[in-house]
Amino acid sequence: MLSIDAKRETVPTTASNESMEVENPLTAFQSLLKEATDLMLYPEPVYQLLKDPIRFLEVKIPVRMDDGKTL
């Protein structure tokens, strides 16, 4: 089964020198899924089956900025 590290990342903010903690989207989904399966009284194996993706597709789309740079 596919295993993905779900970690929190520290992202600097532009307004000040403080940094903001951002939750990994996978971790956010897993916690929401856990709440939903508990609320609906599903057994733990259902959560374990659904919490990790079977397939993962990563796509990069080049974007041309107004100044001509491509990201």
PDB file of N, CA and C in Angstrom:
ATOM      1  N   MET A   1       0.836  -1.176   0.000  1.00  0.00           N
ATOM      2  CA  MET A   1       0.000   0.000   0.000  1.00  0.00           C
ATOM      3  C   MET A   1       0.882   1.241   0.000  1.00  0.00           C
ATOM      4  N   LEU A   2       0.429   2.268  -0.608  1.00  0.00           N
ATOM      5  CA  LEU A   2       1.148   3.526  -0.722  1.00  0.00           C
ATOM      6  C   LEU A   2       1.198   4.240   0.615  1.00  0.00           C
ATOM      7  N   SER A   3       2.375   4.674   1.006  1.00  0.00           N
ATOM      8  CA  SER A   3       2.515   5.398   2.265  1.00  0.00           C
ATOM      9  C   SER A   3       3.010   6.801   1.962  1.00  0.00           C
ATOM     10  N   ILE A   4       2.353   7.783   2.526  1.00  0.00           N
ATOM     11  CA  ILE A   4       2.720   9.176   2.290  1.00  0.00           C
ATOM     12  C   ILE A   4       2.987   9.826   3.625  1.00  0.00           C
ATOM     13  N   ASP A   5       4.097  10.548   3.728  1.00  0.00           N
ATOM     14  CA  ASP A   5       4.394  11.279   4.950  1.00  0.00           C
ATOM     15  C   ASP A   5       3.470  12.477   5.042  1.00  0.00           C
ATOM     16  N   ALA A   6       2.689  12.543   6.070  1.00  0.00           N
ATOM     17  CA  ALA A   6       1.790  13.667   6.288  1.00  0.00           C
ATOM     18  C   ALA A   6       2.376  14.510   7.412  1.00  0.00           C
ATOM     19  N   LYS A   7       3.019  15.587   7.061  1.00  0.00           N
ATOM     20  CA  LYS A   7       3.682  16.436   8.040  1.00  0.00           C
ATOM     21  C   LYS A   7       3.153  17.848   7.936  1.00  0.00           C
ATOM     22  N   ARG A   8       3.290  18.581   9.030  1.00  0.00           N
ATOM     23  CA  ARG A   8       2.966  19.994   9.001  1.00  0.00           C
ATOM     24  C   ARG A   8       4.181  20.752   8.479  1.00  0.00           C
ATOM     25  N   GLU A   9       3.917  21.794   7.734  1.00  0.00           N
ATOM     26  CA  GLU A   9       4.987  22.608   7.184  1.00  0.00           C
ATOM     27  C   GLU A   9       4.898  24.001   7.775  1.00  0.00           C
ATOM     28  N   THR A  10       6.047  24.652   7.947  1.00  0.00           N
ATOM     29  CA  THR A  10       6.063  26.023   8.421  1.00  0.00           C
ATOM     30  C   THR A  10       6.274  26.928   7.219  1.00  0.00           C
ATOM     31  N   VAL A  11       5.356  27.851   7.033  1.00  0.00           N
ATOM     32  CA  VAL A  11       5.392  28.741   5.884  1.00  0.00           C
ATOM     33  C   VAL A  11       5.525  30.169   6.375  1.00  0.00           C
ATOM     34  N   PRO A  12       6.545  30.899   5.911  1.00  0.00           N
ATOM     35  CA  PRO A  12       6.678  32.292   6.352  1.00  0.00           C
ATOM     36  C   PRO A  12       5.578  33.156   5.756  1.00  0.00           C
ATOM     37  N   THR A  13       5.088  34.103   6.536  1.00  0.00           N
ATOM     38  CA  THR A  13       4.064  35.014   6.030  1.00  0.00           C
ATOM     39  C   THR A  13       4.748  36.251   5.462  1.00  0.00           C
ATOM     40  N   THR A  14       4.074  36.952   4.569  1.00  0.00           N
ATOM     41  CA  THR A  14       4.669  38.134   3.946  1.00  0.00           C
ATOM     42  C   THR A  14       4.470  39.385   4.788  1.00  0.00           C
ATOM     43  N   ALA A  15       3.454  39.397   5.642  1.00  0.00           N
ATOM     44  CA  ALA A  15       3.134  40.596   6.409  1.00  0.00           C
ATOM     45  C   ALA A  15       4.117  40.844   7.549  1.00  0.00           C
ATOM     46  N   SER A  16       4.670  39.806   8.144  1.00  0.00           N
ATOM     47  CA  SER A  16       5.583  39.977   9.269  1.00  0.00           C
ATOM     48  C   SER A  16       6.608  38.857   9.274  1.00  0.00           C
ATOM     49  N   ASN A  17       7.430  38.846  10.278  1.00  0.00           N
ATOM     50  CA  ASN A  17       8.454  37.804  10.400  1.00  0.00           C
ATOM     51  C   ASN A  17       7.912  36.539  11.051  1.00  0.00           C
ATOM     52  N   GLU A  18       6.643  36.553  11.463  1.00  0.00           N
ATOM     53  CA  GLU A  18       6.044  35.372  12.064  1.00  0.00           C
ATOM     54  C   GLU A  18       5.884  34.294  11.010  1.00  0.00           C
ATOM     55  N   SER A  19       5.860  33.047  11.444  1.00  0.00           N
ATOM     56  CA  SER A  19       5.577  31.976  10.506  1.00  0.00           C
ATOM     57  C   SER A  19       4.267  31.311  10.894  1.00  0.00           C
ATOM     58  N   MET A  20       3.624  30.754   9.887  1.00  0.00           N
ATOM     59  CA  MET A  20       2.299  30.196  10.052  1.00  0.00           C
ATOM     60  C   MET A  20       2.387  28.700   9.791  1.00  0.00           C
ATOM     61  N   GLU A  21       1.715  27.880  10.600  1.00  0.00           N
ATOM     62  CA  GLU A  21       1.726  26.448  10.409  1.00  0.00           C
ATOM     63  C   GLU A  21       0.581  26.060   9.476  1.00  0.00           C
ATOM     64  N   VAL A  22       0.895  25.320   8.405  1.00  0.00           N
ATOM     65  CA  VAL A  22      -0.100  24.915   7.418  1.00  0.00           C
ATOM     66  C   VAL A  22      -0.183  23.394   7.446  1.00  0.00           C
ATOM     67  N   GLU A  23      -1.404  22.875   7.512  1.00  0.00           N
ATOM     68  CA  GLU A  23      -1.588  21.435   7.563  1.00  0.00           C
ATOM     69  C   GLU A  23      -1.528  20.842   6.157  1.00  0.00           C
ATOM     70  N   ASN A  24      -0.877  19.723   6.045  1.00  0.00           N
ATOM     71  CA  ASN A  24      -0.803  18.982   4.796  1.00  0.00           C
ATOM     72  C   ASN A  24      -2.232  18.613   4.375  1.00  0.00           C
ATOM     73  N   PRO A  25      -2.594  18.764   3.100  1.00  0.00           N
ATOM     74  CA  PRO A  25      -3.956  18.438   2.658  1.00  0.00           C
ATOM     75  C   PRO A  25      -4.356  16.988   2.946  1.00  0.00           C
ATOM     76  N   LEU A  26      -3.399  16.060   2.863  1.00  0.00           N
ATOM     77  CA  LEU A  26      -3.712  14.661   3.153  1.00  0.00           C
ATOM     78  C   LEU A  26      -4.084  14.489   4.621  1.00  0.00           C
ATOM     79  N   THR A  27      -3.339  15.123   5.509  1.00  0.00           N
ATOM     80  CA  THR A  27      -3.633  15.048   6.939  1.00  0.00           C
ATOM     81  C   THR A  27      -4.991  15.671   7.248  1.00  0.00           C
ATOM     82  N   ALA A  28      -5.289  16.798   6.607  1.00  0.00           N
ATOM     83  CA  ALA A  28      -6.579  17.452   6.804  1.00  0.00           C
ATOM     84  C   ALA A  28      -7.717  16.530   6.371  1.00  0.00           C
ATOM     85  N   PHE A  29      -7.549  15.883   5.222  1.00  0.00           N
ATOM     86  CA  PHE A  29      -8.568  14.957   4.729  1.00  0.00           C
ATOM     87  C   PHE A  29      -8.741  13.782   5.673  1.00  0.00           C
ATOM     88  N   GLN A  30      -7.621  13.217   6.142  1.00  0.00           N
ATOM     89  CA  GLN A  30      -7.699  12.050   7.013  1.00  0.00           C
ATOM     90  C   GLN A  30      -8.409  12.366   8.332  1.00  0.00           C
ATOM     91  N   SER A  31      -8.158  13.541   8.892  1.00  0.00           N
ATOM     92  CA  SER A  31      -8.830  13.890  10.142  1.00  0.00           C
ATOM     93  C   SER A  31     -10.332  14.111   9.911  1.00  0.00           C
ATOM     94  N   LEU A  32     -10.692  14.713   8.783  1.00  0.00           N
ATOM     95  CA  LEU A  32     -12.105  14.903   8.443  1.00  0.00           C
ATOM     96  C   LEU A  32     -12.790  13.558   8.195  1.00  0.00           C
ATOM     97  N   LEU A  33     -12.099  12.658   7.508  1.00  0.00           N
ATOM     98  CA  LEU A  33     -12.633  11.327   7.243  1.00  0.00           C
ATOM     99  C   LEU A  33     -12.827  10.556   8.546  1.00  0.00           C
ATOM    100  N   LYS A  34     -11.879  10.686   9.466  1.00  0.00           N
ATOM    101  CA  LYS A  34     -11.983  10.004  10.759  1.00  0.00           C
ATOM    102  C   LYS A  34     -13.221  10.490  11.524  1.00  0.00           C
ATOM    103  N   GLU A  35     -13.432  11.802  11.527  1.00  0.00           N
ATOM    104  CA  GLU A  35     -14.615  12.354  12.191  1.00  0.00           C
ATOM    105  C   GLU A  35     -15.901  11.820  11.555  1.00  0.00           C
ATOM    106  N   ALA A  36     -15.925  11.773  10.221  1.00  0.00           N
ATOM    107  CA  ALA A  36     -17.122  11.319   9.509  1.00  0.00           C
ATOM    108  C   ALA A  36     -17.398   9.840   9.768  1.00  0.00           C
ATOM    109  N   THR A  37     -16.367   9.001   9.714  1.00  0.00           N
ATOM    110  CA  THR A  37     -16.581   7.568   9.944  1.00  0.00           C
ATOM    111  C   THR A  37     -16.991   7.296  11.392  1.00  0.00           C
ATOM    112  N   ASP A  38     -16.450   8.063  12.326  1.00  0.00           N
ATOM    113  CA  ASP A  38     -16.864   7.913  13.731  1.00  0.00           C
ATOM    114  C   ASP A  38     -18.316   8.360  13.913  1.00  0.00           C
ATOM    115  N   LEU A  39     -18.677   9.471  13.291  1.00  0.00           N
ATOM    116  CA  LEU A  39     -20.034  10.001  13.397  1.00  0.00           C
ATOM    117  C   LEU A  39     -21.062   9.027  12.820  1.00  0.00           C
ATOM    118  N   MET A  40     -20.693   8.364  11.732  1.00  0.00           N
ATOM    119  CA  MET A  40     -21.617   7.431  11.079  1.00  0.00           C
ATOM    120  C   MET A  40     -21.509   6.017  11.639  1.00  0.00           C
ATOM    121  N   LEU A  41     -20.692   5.865  12.700  1.00  0.00           N
ATOM    122  CA  LEU A  41     -20.527   4.588  13.401  1.00  0.00           C
ATOM    123  C   LEU A  41     -20.012   3.463  12.502  1.00  0.00           C
ATOM    124  N   TYR A  42     -19.165   3.812  11.534  1.00  0.00           N
ATOM    125  CA  TYR A  42     -18.531   2.791  10.701  1.00  0.00           C
ATOM    126  C   TYR A  42     -17.423   2.111  11.494  1.00  0.00           C
ATOM    127  N   PRO A  43     -17.159   0.845  11.234  1.00  0.00           N
ATOM    128  CA  PRO A  43     -16.075   0.164  11.940  1.00  0.00           C
ATOM    129  C   PRO A  43     -14.706   0.715  11.510  1.00  0.00           C
ATOM    130  N   GLU A  44     -13.717   0.551  12.362  1.00  0.00           N
ATOM    131  CA  GLU A  44     -12.366   1.062  12.109  1.00  0.00           C
ATOM    132  C   GLU A  44     -11.765   0.579  10.780  1.00  0.00           C
ATOM    133  N   PRO A  45     -11.989  -0.681  10.346  1.00  0.00           N
ATOM    134  CA  PRO A  45     -11.428  -1.117   9.054  1.00  0.00           C
ATOM    135  C   PRO A  45     -11.889  -0.270   7.851  1.00  0.00           C
ATOM    136  N   VAL A  46     -13.076   0.304   7.922  1.00  0.00           N
ATOM    137  CA  VAL A  46     -13.560   1.167   6.837  1.00  0.00           C
ATOM    138  C   VAL A  46     -12.678   2.405   6.752  1.00  0.00           C
ATOM    139  N   TYR A  47     -12.402   3.023   7.893  1.00  0.00           N
ATOM    140  CA  TYR A  47     -11.508   4.190   7.913  1.00  0.00           C
ATOM    141  C   TYR A  47     -10.115   3.815   7.408  1.00  0.00           C
ATOM    142  N   GLN A  48      -9.593   2.691   7.873  1.00  0.00           N
ATOM    143  CA  GLN A  48      -8.251   2.259   7.469  1.00  0.00           C
ATOM    144  C   GLN A  48      -8.165   2.034   5.960  1.00  0.00           C
ATOM    145  N   LEU A  49      -9.239   1.547   5.361  1.00  0.00           N
ATOM    146  CA  LEU A  49      -9.264   1.316   3.916  1.00  0.00           C
ATOM    147  C   LEU A  49      -9.293   2.623   3.128  1.00  0.00           C
ATOM    148  N   LEU A  50     -10.047   3.605   3.631  1.00  0.00           N
ATOM    149  CA  LEU A  50     -10.254   4.850   2.890  1.00  0.00           C
ATOM    150  C   LEU A  50      -9.200   5.930   3.141  1.00  0.00           C
ATOM    151  N   LYS A  51      -8.421   5.829   4.213  1.00  0.00           N
ATOM    152  CA  LYS A  51      -7.553   6.944   4.606  1.00  0.00           C
ATOM    153  C   LYS A  51      -6.355   7.171   3.687  1.00  0.00           C
ATOM    154  N   ASP A  52      -5.862   6.152   3.016  1.00  0.00           N
ATOM    155  CA  ASP A  52      -4.705   6.319   2.126  1.00  0.00           C
ATOM    156  C   ASP A  52      -5.125   6.135   0.676  1.00  0.00           C
ATOM    157  N   PRO A  53      -4.648   7.010  -0.211  1.00  0.00           N
ATOM    158  CA  PRO A  53      -5.013   6.874  -1.630  1.00  0.00           C
ATOM    159  C   PRO A  53      -4.402   5.617  -2.238  1.00  0.00           C
ATOM    160  N   ILE A  54      -5.141   4.988  -3.140  1.00  0.00           N
ATOM    161  CA  ILE A  54      -4.622   3.830  -3.856  1.00  0.00           C
ATOM    162  C   ILE A  54      -3.727   4.308  -5.004  1.00  0.00           C
ATOM    163  N   ARG A  55      -4.147   5.380  -5.648  1.00  0.00           N
ATOM    164  CA  ARG A  55      -3.368   5.980  -6.730  1.00  0.00           C
ATOM    165  C   ARG A  55      -3.141   7.444  -6.429  1.00  0.00           C
ATOM    166  N   PHE A  56      -2.063   7.968  -6.987  1.00  0.00           N
ATOM    167  CA  PHE A  56      -1.727   9.368  -6.772  1.00  0.00           C
ATOM    168  C   PHE A  56      -1.246   9.932  -8.101  1.00  0.00           C
ATOM    169  N   LEU A  57      -1.857  10.999  -8.571  1.00  0.00           N
ATOM    170  CA  LEU A  57      -1.482  11.628  -9.823  1.00  0.00           C
ATOM    171  C   LEU A  57      -1.022  13.041  -9.539  1.00  0.00           C
ATOM    172  N   GLU A  58       0.221  13.335  -9.890  1.00  0.00           N
ATOM    173  CA  GLU A  58       0.768  14.673  -9.691  1.00  0.00           C
ATOM    174  C   GLU A  58       0.996  15.307 -11.053  1.00  0.00           C
ATOM    175  N   VAL A  59       0.470  16.503 -11.235  1.00  0.00           N
ATOM    176  CA  VAL A  59       0.541  17.189 -12.523  1.00  0.00           C
ATOM    177  C   VAL A  59       1.154  18.558 -12.312  1.00  0.00           C
ATOM    178  N   LYS A  60       2.046  18.954 -13.222  1.00  0.00           N
ATOM    179  CA  LYS A  60       2.614  20.294 -13.190  1.00  0.00           C
ATOM    180  C   LYS A  60       2.215  21.005 -14.472  1.00  0.00           C
ATOM    181  N   ILE A  61       1.642  22.182 -14.321  1.00  0.00           N
ATOM    182  CA  ILE A  61       1.197  22.963 -15.468  1.00  0.00           C
ATOM    183  C   ILE A  61       2.039  24.232 -15.519  1.00  0.00           C
ATOM    184  N   PRO A  62       2.779  24.446 -16.602  1.00  0.00           N
ATOM    185  CA  PRO A  62       3.571  25.674 -16.696  1.00  0.00           C
ATOM    186  C   PRO A  62       2.660  26.904 -16.821  1.00  0.00           C
ATOM    187  N   VAL A  63       3.018  27.942 -16.095  1.00  0.00           N
ATOM    188  CA  VAL A  63       2.236  29.179 -16.105  1.00  0.00           C
ATOM    189  C   VAL A  63       3.147  30.311 -16.537  1.00  0.00           C
ATOM    190  N   ARG A  64       2.742  31.050 -17.552  1.00  0.00           N
ATOM    191  CA  ARG A  64       3.515  32.201 -18.008  1.00  0.00           C
ATOM    192  C   ARG A  64       2.996  33.438 -17.290  1.00  0.00           C
ATOM    193  N   MET A  65       3.881  34.088 -16.569  1.00  0.00           N
ATOM    194  CA  MET A  65       3.527  35.269 -15.796  1.00  0.00           C
ATOM    195  C   MET A  65       3.493  36.512 -16.706  1.00  0.00           C
ATOM    196  N   ASP A  66       2.959  37.623 -16.194  1.00  0.00           N
ATOM    197  CA  ASP A  66       2.887  38.865 -16.960  1.00  0.00           C
ATOM    198  C   ASP A  66       4.270  39.365 -17.369  1.00  0.00           C
ATOM    199  N   ASP A  67       5.277  39.092 -16.537  1.00  0.00           N
ATOM    200  CA  ASP A  67       6.624  39.573 -16.853  1.00  0.00           C
ATOM    201  C   ASP A  67       7.383  38.627 -17.791  1.00  0.00           C
ATOM    202  N   GLY A  68       6.735  37.565 -18.273  1.00  0.00           N
ATOM    203  CA  GLY A  68       7.340  36.661 -19.238  1.00  0.00           C
ATOM    204  C   GLY A  68       7.972  35.420 -18.625  1.00  0.00           C
ATOM    205  N   LYS A  69       8.137  35.377 -17.323  1.00  0.00           N
ATOM    206  CA  LYS A  69       8.718  34.206 -16.663  1.00  0.00           C
ATOM    207  C   LYS A  69       7.732  33.039 -16.715  1.00  0.00           C
ATOM    208  N   THR A  70       8.292  31.836 -16.823  1.00  0.00           N
ATOM    209  CA  THR A  70       7.468  30.635 -16.800  1.00  0.00           C
ATOM    210  C   THR A  70       7.754  29.895 -15.495  1.00  0.00           C
ATOM    211  N   LEU A  71       6.707  29.608 -14.756  1.00  0.00           N
ATOM    212  CA  LEU A  71       6.848  28.886 -13.486  1.00  0.00           C
ATOM    213  C   LEU A  71       6.431  27.448 -13.665  1.00  0.00           C
TER     214      LEU A  71
END
